[in-house]
Structure formats: C-alpha cells, structure tokens
Amino acid sequence: MAIVYGTDANFKETVQNGTVLVDFWAPWCGPCKMLAPVLEELDAEIGGQVKIVKVDVDENPETAAQFGVMSIPTLILFKDGAKVDQVVGFKPKDELKKFALQ
C-alpha cells in the first residue's frame, strides 16, 4: 500500500472501510517531520492490514476540528469509519505498530 493524503472533501470515504490510521500533521511541525519516516516504515510492514492516511491540518481544518485535533501530530485509529482510539505526539515505531494493530 501507499500512504494516502486525506482532505476535507474525501475524508469520510477514505476511512470508511477496514482499519485506517490517520496522521493529522502540518509541514512546519518538527515532531510531524520525525514521524513521517516511521509511518513510511509502518506502511511497508503493515500496509496490507492498515491503511495509513495523512491529513494536513492547515489545508483541511474542517476534518481536524471535527475530531478535536488540538496538538499535532495526532494519530487517530478508525475501524470501518468509526473512531476507535487516539494518541498525540511522536511515538516510536513499535508503539505505533501495536496501536495500529489493536
């Protein structure tokens, strides 16, 4: 799989099927930049089980507001369109893998 970029316009369709890990981020955010290669590695390892979606909070403020994203990076896990769990801040790959596969 490849990491998908979500927008306010396509977000609902993007998360409605299967397990989806959404990264709310911004290009100016230091921890977000640290997280990007970790998500690339995760996608290579578990991309067949979990779809990874990135949402730029500056370009998609409606979606960020809908889920109460106040700090970034915020990662929200969805299963078949429903929010299941959320973590805020940079996390190591092993921790994110457990989070995504719960």
C-alpha atoms as a PDB file:
ATOM      1  CA  MET A   1       0.000   0.000   0.000  1.00  0.00           C
ATOM      2  CA  ALA A   2       0.984   3.609  -0.251  1.00  0.00           C
ATOM      3  CA  ILE A   3       0.252   6.367   2.212  1.00  0.00           C
ATOM      4  CA  VAL A   4      -2.857   8.281   1.149  1.00  0.00           C
ATOM      5  CA  TYR A   5      -3.446  12.008   1.594  1.00  0.00           C
ATOM      6  CA  GLY A   6      -6.867  12.775   3.042  1.00  0.00           C
ATOM      7  CA  THR A   7      -8.785  16.017   2.574  1.00  0.00           C
ATOM      8  CA  ASP A   8     -11.910  17.608   3.994  1.00  0.00           C
ATOM      9  CA  ALA A   9     -13.656  16.545   0.772  1.00  0.00           C
ATOM     10  CA  ASN A  10     -12.677  12.842   0.753  1.00  0.00           C
ATOM     11  CA  PHE A  11     -12.108  12.064   4.434  1.00  0.00           C
ATOM     12  CA  LYS A  12     -15.297  10.120   5.133  1.00  0.00           C
ATOM     13  CA  GLU A  13     -14.776   7.816   2.134  1.00  0.00           C
ATOM     14  CA  THR A  14     -11.082   7.422   2.993  1.00  0.00           C
ATOM     15  CA  VAL A  15     -11.734   5.952   6.466  1.00  0.00           C
ATOM     16  CA  GLN A  16     -14.967   4.038   5.911  1.00  0.00           C
ATOM     17  CA  ASN A  17     -13.521   0.593   5.046  1.00  0.00           C
ATOM     18  CA  GLY A  18     -11.193  -1.506   7.175  1.00  0.00           C
ATOM     19  CA  THR A  19      -8.586  -0.292   9.649  1.00  0.00           C
ATOM     20  CA  VAL A  20      -7.225   3.177   8.939  1.00  0.00           C
ATOM     21  CA  LEU A  21      -4.526   5.077  10.849  1.00  0.00           C
ATOM     22  CA  VAL A  22      -4.876   8.824  10.268  1.00  0.00           C
ATOM     23  CA  ASP A  23      -1.950  11.163  10.930  1.00  0.00           C
ATOM     24  CA  PHE A  24      -3.033  14.774  11.485  1.00  0.00           C
ATOM     25  CA  TRP A  25       0.091  16.816  10.728  1.00  0.00           C
ATOM     26  CA  ALA A  26       1.494  20.055   9.258  1.00  0.00           C
ATOM     27  CA  PRO A  27       4.644  20.730   7.199  1.00  0.00           C
ATOM     28  CA  TRP A  28       6.037  23.151   9.832  1.00  0.00           C
ATOM     29  CA  CYS A  29       5.691  20.682  12.738  1.00  0.00           C
ATOM     30  CA  GLY A  30       9.010  19.211  13.955  1.00  0.00           C
ATOM     31  CA  PRO A  31       7.593  16.045  15.586  1.00  0.00           C
ATOM     32  CA  CYS A  32       5.462  15.501  12.449  1.00  0.00           C
ATOM     33  CA  LYS A  33       8.634  15.512  10.346  1.00  0.00           C
ATOM     34  CA  MET A  34      10.184  12.944  12.712  1.00  0.00           C
ATOM     35  CA  LEU A  35       7.077  10.781  12.443  1.00  0.00           C
ATOM     36  CA  ALA A  36       6.922  10.748   8.616  1.00  0.00           C
ATOM     37  CA  PRO A  37       9.696   8.152   8.038  1.00  0.00           C
ATOM     38  CA  VAL A  38       8.292   5.992  10.857  1.00  0.00           C
ATOM     39  CA  LEU A  39       4.917   5.947   9.091  1.00  0.00           C
ATOM     40  CA  GLU A  40       6.654   5.041   5.799  1.00  0.00           C
ATOM     41  CA  GLU A  41       8.294   2.053   7.538  1.00  0.00           C
ATOM     42  CA  LEU A  42       4.987   1.055   9.141  1.00  0.00           C
ATOM     43  CA  ASP A  43       3.265   1.236   5.764  1.00  0.00           C
ATOM     44  CA  ALA A  44       5.905  -1.114   4.331  1.00  0.00           C
ATOM     45  CA  GLU A  45       5.389  -3.558   7.228  1.00  0.00           C
ATOM     46  CA  ILE A  46       1.624  -3.484   7.852  1.00  0.00           C
ATOM     47  CA  GLY A  47       0.225  -1.601   4.861  1.00  0.00           C
ATOM     48  CA  GLY A  48      -1.717  -4.693   3.826  1.00  0.00           C
ATOM     49  CA  GLN A  49      -3.588  -4.675   7.146  1.00  0.00           C
ATOM     50  CA  VAL A  50      -3.803  -0.980   7.953  1.00  0.00           C
ATOM     51  CA  LYS A  51      -4.260   1.921   5.553  1.00  0.00           C
ATOM     52  CA  ILE A  52      -2.255   4.999   6.549  1.00  0.00           C
ATOM     53  CA  VAL A  53      -3.743   8.404   5.746  1.00  0.00           C
ATOM     54  CA  LYS A  54      -2.109  11.802   6.287  1.00  0.00           C
ATOM     55  CA  VAL A  55      -4.258  14.908   6.781  1.00  0.00           C
ATOM     56  CA  ASP A  56      -2.560  18.334   6.653  1.00  0.00           C
ATOM     57  CA  VAL A  57      -4.397  20.317   9.354  1.00  0.00           C
ATOM     58  CA  ASP A  58      -3.629  23.676   7.701  1.00  0.00           C
ATOM     59  CA  GLU A  59      -5.195  22.612   4.403  1.00  0.00           C
ATOM     60  CA  ASN A  60      -8.055  20.600   5.961  1.00  0.00           C
ATOM     61  CA  PRO A  61      -9.231  22.478   9.053  1.00  0.00           C
ATOM     62  CA  GLU A  62     -12.788  21.080   8.981  1.00  0.00           C
ATOM     63  CA  THR A  63     -11.650  17.476   9.461  1.00  0.00           C
ATOM     64  CA  ALA A  64      -9.158  18.461  12.167  1.00  0.00           C
ATOM     65  CA  ALA A  65     -11.884  20.403  14.007  1.00  0.00           C
ATOM     66  CA  GLN A  66     -14.396  17.563  13.609  1.00  0.00           C
ATOM     67  CA  PHE A  67     -12.094  15.253  15.585  1.00  0.00           C
ATOM     68  CA  GLY A  68     -10.945  17.896  18.092  1.00  0.00           C
ATOM     69  CA  VAL A  69      -7.324  17.879  16.968  1.00  0.00           C
ATOM     70  CA  MET A  70      -5.618  20.488  19.164  1.00  0.00           C
ATOM     71  CA  SER A  71      -1.989  19.286  19.023  1.00  0.00           C
ATOM     72  CA  ILE A  72      -0.061  17.645  16.237  1.00  0.00           C
ATOM     73  CA  PRO A  73       0.896  15.070  15.398  1.00  0.00           C
ATOM     74  CA  THR A  74      -2.352  13.409  16.431  1.00  0.00           C
ATOM     75  CA  LEU A  75      -2.930   9.848  15.240  1.00  0.00           C
ATOM     76  CA  ILE A  76      -6.474   8.519  15.197  1.00  0.00           C
ATOM     77  CA  LEU A  77      -7.348   4.900  14.509  1.00  0.00           C
ATOM     78  CA  PHE A  78     -10.570   4.164  12.630  1.00  0.00           C
ATOM     79  CA  LYS A  79     -12.267   0.821  12.017  1.00  0.00           C
ATOM     80  CA  ASP A  80     -14.906   0.825   9.290  1.00  0.00           C
ATOM     81  CA  GLY A  81     -15.408   4.577   9.655  1.00  0.00           C
ATOM     82  CA  ALA A  82     -15.679   4.683  13.458  1.00  0.00           C
ATOM     83  CA  LYS A  83     -13.033   6.306  15.665  1.00  0.00           C
ATOM     84  CA  VAL A  84     -11.511   3.645  17.905  1.00  0.00           C
ATOM     85  CA  ASP A  85      -8.536   5.293  19.608  1.00  0.00           C
ATOM     86  CA  GLN A  86      -6.205   8.289  19.509  1.00  0.00           C
ATOM     87  CA  VAL A  87      -2.644   9.203  20.508  1.00  0.00           C
ATOM     88  CA  VAL A  88      -0.935  12.589  20.473  1.00  0.00           C
ATOM     89  CA  GLY A  89       2.737  13.296  19.862  1.00  0.00           C
ATOM     90  CA  PHE A  90       5.663  11.367  18.416  1.00  0.00           C
ATOM     91  CA  LYS A  91       5.721   7.662  19.280  1.00  0.00           C
ATOM     92  CA  PRO A  92       8.328   5.017  18.391  1.00  0.00           C
ATOM     93  CA  LYS A  93       7.532   2.562  15.604  1.00  0.00           C
ATOM     94  CA  ASP A  94       6.916  -0.434  17.894  1.00  0.00           C
ATOM     95  CA  GLU A  95       4.376   1.546  19.914  1.00  0.00           C
ATOM     96  CA  LEU A  96       2.617   2.800  16.778  1.00  0.00           C
ATOM     97  CA  LYS A  97       2.523  -0.704  15.316  1.00  0.00           C
ATOM     98  CA  LYS A  98       0.761  -2.028  18.441  1.00  0.00           C
ATOM     99  CA  PHE A  99      -1.604   0.960  18.350  1.00  0.00           C
ATOM    100  CA  ALA A 100      -2.463   0.412  14.668  1.00  0.00           C
ATOM    101  CA  LEU A 101      -2.990  -3.344  15.017  1.00  0.00           C
ATOM    102  CA  GLN A 102      -5.175  -3.266  18.143  1.00  0.00           C
END
